[in-house]
Amino acid sequence: MGKLIWNQWGRLLAITSAVYMIWASFWAYFFRKFFWDMVGGTLGPAGLVPGKNTQPLVNLVVLFPLLQTFTMVLGLFALALEMPLPILVNTAVHRSILLRIIIYFMAGSVGIMVYQGETISVIGEGRDGVVSV
């Protein structure tokens, strides 16, 4: 009984995290802000001006929404692993815990770079290590 409860809790946490990541990346397209721009930044009349050391990452978020796109794709893929289509139900991709761990780690790492997705990266994108049945 205990494993069933932990398994379902882990699955619901992963589904909630994936949906939040998709929603955060959707908002990140409209309100583009790099979360770590305060590192080396200066406070000016228009607000915080990012430093030169964060310029490449600011370009990936503000000028080209590459990190937002990666966040959305990883969130959709994590959601597809937890709520699979009937085609994916008994495949090796759906059963692989290693793939899930890699996807959740990458999603958390990419999500922390985008301001709207930093909460899900800190709270926990992932599971408790129990394989869903």
N, C-alpha and C. Protein backbone atom coordinates (compact mmCIF):
# COMPACT_ATOMS: atom_id res chain seq x y z
N MET A 1 0.82 -1.19 0.00
CA MET A 1 0.00 0.00 0.00
C MET A 1 0.87 1.26 0.00
N GLY A 2 1.95 1.24 0.77
CA GLY A 2 2.82 2.41 0.84
C GLY A 2 3.50 2.71 -0.48
N LYS A 3 3.94 1.67 -1.19
CA LYS A 3 4.59 1.89 -2.48
C LYS A 3 3.61 2.46 -3.50
N LEU A 4 2.36 2.02 -3.42
CA LEU A 4 1.35 2.54 -4.34
C LEU A 4 1.13 4.03 -4.10
N ILE A 5 1.07 4.43 -2.84
CA ILE A 5 0.85 5.84 -2.53
C ILE A 5 2.04 6.67 -2.99
N TRP A 6 3.26 6.22 -2.72
CA TRP A 6 4.44 6.97 -3.14
C TRP A 6 4.55 7.01 -4.66
N ASN A 7 4.17 5.92 -5.31
CA ASN A 7 4.23 5.87 -6.76
C ASN A 7 3.27 6.88 -7.37
N GLN A 8 2.05 6.93 -6.87
CA GLN A 8 1.07 7.87 -7.40
C GLN A 8 1.46 9.31 -7.07
N TRP A 9 2.01 9.54 -5.88
CA TRP A 9 2.45 10.88 -5.52
C TRP A 9 3.57 11.34 -6.45
N GLY A 10 4.52 10.46 -6.74
CA GLY A 10 5.61 10.80 -7.65
C GLY A 10 5.11 11.08 -9.06
N ARG A 11 4.14 10.31 -9.50
CA ARG A 11 3.58 10.52 -10.84
C ARG A 11 2.84 11.85 -10.91
N LEU A 12 2.03 12.15 -9.90
CA LEU A 12 1.31 13.43 -9.88
C LEU A 12 2.27 14.62 -9.78
N LEU A 13 3.35 14.45 -9.03
CA LEU A 13 4.36 15.51 -8.95
C LEU A 13 5.01 15.74 -10.31
N ALA A 14 5.31 14.66 -11.02
CA ALA A 14 5.93 14.79 -12.34
C ALA A 14 4.96 15.42 -13.34
N ILE A 15 3.68 15.05 -13.29
CA ILE A 15 2.69 15.65 -14.20
C ILE A 15 2.52 17.13 -13.90
N THR A 16 2.41 17.47 -12.62
CA THR A 16 2.26 18.88 -12.23
C THR A 16 3.48 19.69 -12.64
N SER A 17 4.66 19.13 -12.44
CA SER A 17 5.89 19.83 -12.82
C SER A 17 5.96 20.04 -14.32
N ALA A 18 5.58 19.04 -15.09
CA ALA A 18 5.62 19.17 -16.55
C ALA A 18 4.62 20.21 -17.04
N VAL A 19 3.42 20.21 -16.48
CA VAL A 19 2.41 21.21 -16.89
C VAL A 19 2.87 22.61 -16.50
N TYR A 20 3.45 22.75 -15.31
CA TYR A 20 3.95 24.06 -14.88
C TYR A 20 5.08 24.52 -15.78
N MET A 21 5.94 23.60 -16.19
CA MET A 21 7.06 23.97 -17.06
C MET A 21 6.56 24.42 -18.43
N ILE A 22 5.54 23.75 -18.96
CA ILE A 22 4.96 24.16 -20.24
C ILE A 22 4.33 25.54 -20.11
N TRP A 23 3.59 25.75 -19.02
CA TRP A 23 2.93 27.04 -18.79
C TRP A 23 3.97 28.15 -18.60
N ALA A 24 5.03 27.88 -17.86
CA ALA A 24 6.08 28.88 -17.63
C ALA A 24 6.80 29.23 -18.92
N SER A 25 7.05 28.24 -19.76
CA SER A 25 7.73 28.55 -21.03
C SER A 25 6.82 29.32 -21.97
N PHE A 26 5.51 29.07 -21.89
CA PHE A 26 4.56 29.86 -22.68
C PHE A 26 4.63 31.33 -22.27
N TRP A 27 4.64 31.60 -20.96
CA TRP A 27 4.73 32.98 -20.49
C TRP A 27 6.10 33.57 -20.76
N ALA A 28 7.12 32.74 -20.79
CA ALA A 28 8.48 33.24 -21.03
C ALA A 28 8.65 33.75 -22.45
N TYR A 29 7.82 33.30 -23.38
CA TYR A 29 7.88 33.85 -24.74
C TYR A 29 7.44 35.31 -24.75
N PHE A 30 6.49 35.66 -23.90
CA PHE A 30 5.96 37.03 -23.90
C PHE A 30 6.71 37.96 -22.97
N PHE A 31 7.18 37.46 -21.84
CA PHE A 31 7.91 38.26 -20.86
C PHE A 31 9.31 37.68 -20.73
N ARG A 32 10.20 38.09 -21.59
CA ARG A 32 11.54 37.50 -21.66
C ARG A 32 12.46 38.13 -20.63
N LYS A 33 12.95 37.31 -19.73
CA LYS A 33 13.90 37.77 -18.71
C LYS A 33 14.78 36.60 -18.33
N PHE A 34 16.08 36.85 -18.31
CA PHE A 34 17.05 35.86 -17.87
C PHE A 34 17.13 35.93 -16.36
N PHE A 35 16.98 34.80 -15.69
CA PHE A 35 16.88 34.80 -14.23
C PHE A 35 18.17 35.24 -13.54
N TRP A 36 19.33 34.88 -14.06
CA TRP A 36 20.59 35.15 -13.39
C TRP A 36 21.23 36.45 -13.89
N ASP A 37 20.45 37.42 -14.36
CA ASP A 37 21.02 38.65 -14.88
C ASP A 37 21.56 39.55 -13.78
N MET A 38 21.25 39.26 -12.52
CA MET A 38 21.76 40.10 -11.44
C MET A 38 23.23 39.82 -11.13
N VAL A 39 23.77 38.73 -11.67
CA VAL A 39 25.18 38.40 -11.46
C VAL A 39 26.03 39.35 -12.30
N GLY A 40 26.73 40.23 -11.68
CA GLY A 40 27.57 41.19 -12.39
C GLY A 40 26.80 42.34 -12.99
N GLY A 41 25.52 42.46 -12.68
CA GLY A 41 24.71 43.54 -13.23
C GLY A 41 24.84 44.82 -12.43
N THR A 42 24.44 45.92 -13.04
CA THR A 42 24.44 47.22 -12.36
C THR A 42 23.03 47.77 -12.37
N LEU A 43 22.72 48.53 -11.35
CA LEU A 43 21.40 49.13 -11.23
C LEU A 43 21.43 50.51 -11.87
N GLY A 44 20.61 50.68 -12.90
CA GLY A 44 20.56 51.95 -13.60
C GLY A 44 19.17 52.56 -13.51
N PRO A 45 18.93 53.67 -14.20
CA PRO A 45 17.63 54.33 -14.15
C PRO A 45 16.51 53.46 -14.73
N ALA A 46 16.85 52.59 -15.67
CA ALA A 46 15.83 51.74 -16.29
C ALA A 46 15.69 50.40 -15.57
N GLY A 47 16.41 50.20 -14.48
CA GLY A 47 16.35 48.94 -13.76
C GLY A 47 17.70 48.25 -13.79
N LEU A 48 17.67 46.94 -13.65
CA LEU A 48 18.89 46.16 -13.61
C LEU A 48 19.43 45.95 -15.02
N VAL A 49 20.67 46.32 -15.23
CA VAL A 49 21.34 46.13 -16.52
C VAL A 49 22.29 44.95 -16.36
N PRO A 50 22.08 43.87 -17.15
CA PRO A 50 22.94 42.69 -17.00
C PRO A 50 24.39 43.00 -17.33
N GLY A 51 25.29 42.29 -16.67
CA GLY A 51 26.72 42.47 -16.91
C GLY A 51 27.16 41.80 -18.20
N LYS A 52 28.39 42.08 -18.57
CA LYS A 52 28.93 41.51 -19.81
C LYS A 52 29.14 40.00 -19.70
N ASN A 53 29.35 39.49 -18.48
CA ASN A 53 29.61 38.06 -18.33
C ASN A 53 28.37 37.20 -18.58
N THR A 54 27.19 37.76 -18.48
CA THR A 54 25.96 36.99 -18.74
C THR A 54 25.37 37.27 -20.11
N GLN A 55 26.06 38.02 -20.94
CA GLN A 55 25.52 38.42 -22.24
C GLN A 55 25.16 37.24 -23.15
N PRO A 56 25.98 36.18 -23.26
CA PRO A 56 25.58 35.06 -24.13
C PRO A 56 24.27 34.40 -23.69
N LEU A 57 24.08 34.24 -22.39
CA LEU A 57 22.85 33.63 -21.92
C LEU A 57 21.66 34.57 -22.04
N VAL A 58 21.89 35.86 -21.87
CA VAL A 58 20.82 36.83 -22.09
C VAL A 58 20.37 36.79 -23.55
N ASN A 59 21.31 36.63 -24.46
CA ASN A 59 20.96 36.51 -25.88
C ASN A 59 20.11 35.28 -26.14
N LEU A 60 20.39 34.17 -25.46
CA LEU A 60 19.61 32.94 -25.65
C LEU A 60 18.19 33.06 -25.12
N VAL A 61 17.96 33.98 -24.20
CA VAL A 61 16.63 34.13 -23.63
C VAL A 61 15.88 35.30 -24.25
N VAL A 62 16.55 36.44 -24.39
CA VAL A 62 15.86 37.66 -24.81
C VAL A 62 15.81 37.79 -26.33
N LEU A 63 16.93 37.66 -27.00
CA LEU A 63 16.94 37.87 -28.45
C LEU A 63 16.41 36.66 -29.20
N PHE A 64 16.90 35.50 -28.87
CA PHE A 64 16.45 34.26 -29.51
C PHE A 64 15.84 33.39 -28.42
N PRO A 65 14.55 33.11 -28.45
CA PRO A 65 13.92 32.35 -27.36
C PRO A 65 14.25 30.86 -27.41
N LEU A 66 15.54 30.56 -27.38
CA LEU A 66 15.99 29.17 -27.49
C LEU A 66 15.74 28.39 -26.20
N LEU A 67 16.03 28.99 -25.05
CA LEU A 67 15.81 28.29 -23.79
C LEU A 67 14.32 28.09 -23.51
N GLN A 68 13.48 29.04 -23.92
CA GLN A 68 12.05 28.86 -23.76
C GLN A 68 11.55 27.68 -24.58
N THR A 69 12.09 27.55 -25.80
CA THR A 69 11.70 26.45 -26.67
C THR A 69 12.15 25.12 -26.09
N PHE A 70 13.39 25.05 -25.60
CA PHE A 70 13.88 23.82 -24.96
C PHE A 70 13.04 23.46 -23.74
N THR A 71 12.67 24.48 -22.95
CA THR A 71 11.86 24.23 -21.77
C THR A 71 10.50 23.66 -22.15
N MET A 72 9.89 24.21 -23.18
CA MET A 72 8.58 23.72 -23.60
C MET A 72 8.68 22.30 -24.16
N VAL A 73 9.70 22.02 -24.96
CA VAL A 73 9.85 20.68 -25.54
C VAL A 73 10.11 19.65 -24.45
N LEU A 74 10.98 19.98 -23.49
CA LEU A 74 11.26 19.04 -22.40
C LEU A 74 10.03 18.84 -21.51
N GLY A 75 9.26 19.90 -21.29
CA GLY A 75 8.02 19.76 -20.52
C GLY A 75 7.00 18.90 -21.23
N LEU A 76 6.86 19.08 -22.54
CA LEU A 76 5.94 18.24 -23.31
C LEU A 76 6.40 16.79 -23.33
N PHE A 77 7.71 16.57 -23.43
CA PHE A 77 8.22 15.21 -23.43
C PHE A 77 8.04 14.54 -22.07
N ALA A 78 8.25 15.30 -20.98
CA ALA A 78 8.02 14.75 -19.64
C ALA A 78 6.55 14.43 -19.43
N LEU A 79 5.67 15.27 -19.95
CA LEU A 79 4.23 15.00 -19.85
C LEU A 79 3.85 13.79 -20.68
N ALA A 80 4.48 13.63 -21.83
CA ALA A 80 4.21 12.46 -22.67
C ALA A 80 4.70 11.17 -22.02
N LEU A 81 5.75 11.25 -21.21
CA LEU A 81 6.22 10.05 -20.50
C LEU A 81 5.29 9.66 -19.35
N GLU A 82 4.69 10.65 -18.69
CA GLU A 82 3.83 10.37 -17.55
C GLU A 82 2.39 10.09 -17.93
N MET A 83 1.91 10.71 -18.98
CA MET A 83 0.55 10.48 -19.48
C MET A 83 0.67 10.04 -20.94
N PRO A 84 1.09 8.81 -21.17
CA PRO A 84 1.44 8.41 -22.53
C PRO A 84 0.23 8.21 -23.43
N LEU A 85 0.47 8.41 -24.71
CA LEU A 85 -0.51 8.05 -25.72
C LEU A 85 -0.59 6.52 -25.77
N PRO A 86 -1.69 5.97 -26.26
CA PRO A 86 -1.79 4.51 -26.33
C PRO A 86 -0.68 3.86 -27.14
N ILE A 87 -0.07 4.60 -28.04
CA ILE A 87 1.02 4.04 -28.85
C ILE A 87 2.26 3.79 -27.98
N LEU A 88 2.50 4.64 -26.97
CA LEU A 88 3.71 4.56 -26.16
C LEU A 88 3.59 3.71 -24.90
N VAL A 89 2.43 3.12 -24.63
CA VAL A 89 2.18 2.53 -23.32
C VAL A 89 3.17 1.42 -22.95
N ASN A 90 3.41 0.47 -23.78
CA ASN A 90 4.29 -0.65 -23.42
C ASN A 90 5.60 -0.63 -24.19
N THR A 91 6.10 0.52 -24.49
CA THR A 91 7.37 0.61 -25.21
C THR A 91 8.53 0.77 -24.23
N ALA A 92 9.72 0.58 -24.73
CA ALA A 92 10.91 0.73 -23.88
C ALA A 92 11.11 2.18 -23.44
N VAL A 93 10.67 3.13 -24.26
CA VAL A 93 10.79 4.55 -23.90
C VAL A 93 9.93 4.84 -22.67
N HIS A 94 8.73 4.30 -22.63
CA HIS A 94 7.83 4.55 -21.50
C HIS A 94 8.29 3.85 -20.23
N ARG A 95 8.93 2.72 -20.34
CA ARG A 95 9.37 1.96 -19.17
C ARG A 95 10.73 2.39 -18.63
N SER A 96 11.47 3.18 -19.36
CA SER A 96 12.85 3.50 -18.99
C SER A 96 12.89 4.55 -17.88
N ILE A 97 13.36 4.15 -16.71
CA ILE A 97 13.52 5.10 -15.61
C ILE A 97 14.75 5.98 -15.84
N LEU A 98 15.76 5.45 -16.51
CA LEU A 98 16.96 6.23 -16.81
C LEU A 98 16.63 7.40 -17.73
N LEU A 99 15.81 7.17 -18.73
CA LEU A 99 15.39 8.25 -19.63
C LEU A 99 14.62 9.32 -18.87
N ARG A 100 13.76 8.91 -17.95
CA ARG A 100 13.00 9.88 -17.15
C ARG A 100 13.93 10.72 -16.28
N ILE A 101 14.90 10.08 -15.67
CA ILE A 101 15.83 10.82 -14.82
C ILE A 101 16.61 11.84 -15.65
N ILE A 102 17.06 11.44 -16.83
CA ILE A 102 17.80 12.35 -17.71
C ILE A 102 16.92 13.51 -18.16
N ILE A 103 15.67 13.21 -18.55
CA ILE A 103 14.75 14.26 -19.00
C ILE A 103 14.46 15.23 -17.86
N TYR A 104 14.21 14.72 -16.65
CA TYR A 104 13.89 15.61 -15.53
C TYR A 104 15.10 16.46 -15.13
N PHE A 105 16.27 15.89 -15.18
CA PHE A 105 17.48 16.66 -14.86
C PHE A 105 17.71 17.76 -15.89
N MET A 106 17.57 17.42 -17.17
CA MET A 106 17.73 18.43 -18.22
C MET A 106 16.66 19.51 -18.12
N ALA A 107 15.42 19.11 -17.85
CA ALA A 107 14.34 20.09 -17.74
C ALA A 107 14.57 21.04 -16.57
N GLY A 108 15.03 20.52 -15.46
CA GLY A 108 15.33 21.39 -14.32
C GLY A 108 16.50 22.31 -14.59
N SER A 109 17.51 21.81 -15.28
CA SER A 109 18.69 22.62 -15.59
C SER A 109 18.37 23.73 -16.57
N VAL A 110 17.58 23.44 -17.57
CA VAL A 110 17.20 24.46 -18.55
C VAL A 110 16.16 25.41 -17.95
N GLY A 111 15.26 24.88 -17.14
CA GLY A 111 14.21 25.71 -16.56
C GLY A 111 14.72 26.75 -15.59
N ILE A 112 15.85 26.50 -14.94
CA ILE A 112 16.37 27.47 -13.98
C ILE A 112 17.00 28.67 -14.68
N MET A 113 17.29 28.57 -15.96
CA MET A 113 17.85 29.69 -16.72
C MET A 113 16.79 30.72 -17.10
N VAL A 114 15.54 30.29 -17.18
CA VAL A 114 14.45 31.16 -17.58
C VAL A 114 13.77 31.65 -16.30
N TYR A 115 13.47 32.93 -16.22
CA TYR A 115 12.91 33.52 -15.00
C TYR A 115 11.59 32.87 -14.61
N GLN A 116 10.71 32.61 -15.57
CA GLN A 116 9.40 32.06 -15.27
C GLN A 116 9.48 30.59 -14.85
N GLY A 117 10.55 29.90 -15.19
CA GLY A 117 10.65 28.49 -14.89
C GLY A 117 11.56 28.15 -13.72
N GLU A 118 12.04 29.16 -13.00
CA GLU A 118 12.98 28.86 -11.92
C GLU A 118 12.30 28.20 -10.74
N THR A 119 11.03 28.46 -10.51
CA THR A 119 10.34 27.87 -9.36
C THR A 119 10.26 26.36 -9.48
N ILE A 120 9.90 25.88 -10.65
CA ILE A 120 9.77 24.45 -10.84
C ILE A 120 11.12 23.76 -10.78
N SER A 121 12.16 24.45 -11.13
CA SER A 121 13.50 23.86 -11.06
C SER A 121 13.96 23.71 -9.62
N VAL A 122 13.58 24.66 -8.78
CA VAL A 122 13.99 24.62 -7.38
C VAL A 122 13.10 23.66 -6.58
N ILE A 123 11.78 23.72 -6.81
CA ILE A 123 10.84 22.88 -6.05
C ILE A 123 11.05 21.41 -6.38
N GLY A 124 11.22 21.09 -7.62
CA GLY A 124 11.49 19.70 -7.92
C GLY A 124 10.80 19.23 -9.18
N GLU A 125 11.55 19.14 -10.22
CA GLU A 125 11.07 18.54 -11.45
C GLU A 125 11.53 17.11 -11.39
N GLY A 126 10.64 16.22 -11.05
CA GLY A 126 11.08 14.84 -11.02
C GLY A 126 10.26 13.98 -10.11
N ARG A 127 10.78 12.79 -9.88
CA ARG A 127 10.04 11.77 -9.17
C ARG A 127 10.85 11.29 -7.98
N ASP A 128 10.27 10.33 -7.29
CA ASP A 128 10.93 9.79 -6.12
C ASP A 128 11.69 8.50 -6.40
N GLY A 129 11.86 8.14 -7.65
CA GLY A 129 12.63 6.97 -8.01
C GLY A 129 11.82 5.70 -8.11
N VAL A 130 10.49 5.78 -7.96
CA VAL A 130 9.64 4.60 -8.06
C VAL A 130 9.10 4.52 -9.48
N VAL A 131 9.22 3.37 -10.09
CA VAL A 131 8.75 3.19 -11.46
C VAL A 131 7.24 3.08 -11.45
N SER A 132 6.56 3.86 -12.30
CA SER A 132 5.10 3.78 -12.36
C SER A 132 4.67 2.51 -13.08
N VAL A 133 3.51 2.04 -12.69
CA VAL A 133 2.99 0.78 -13.26
C VAL A 133 1.88 1.09 -14.22
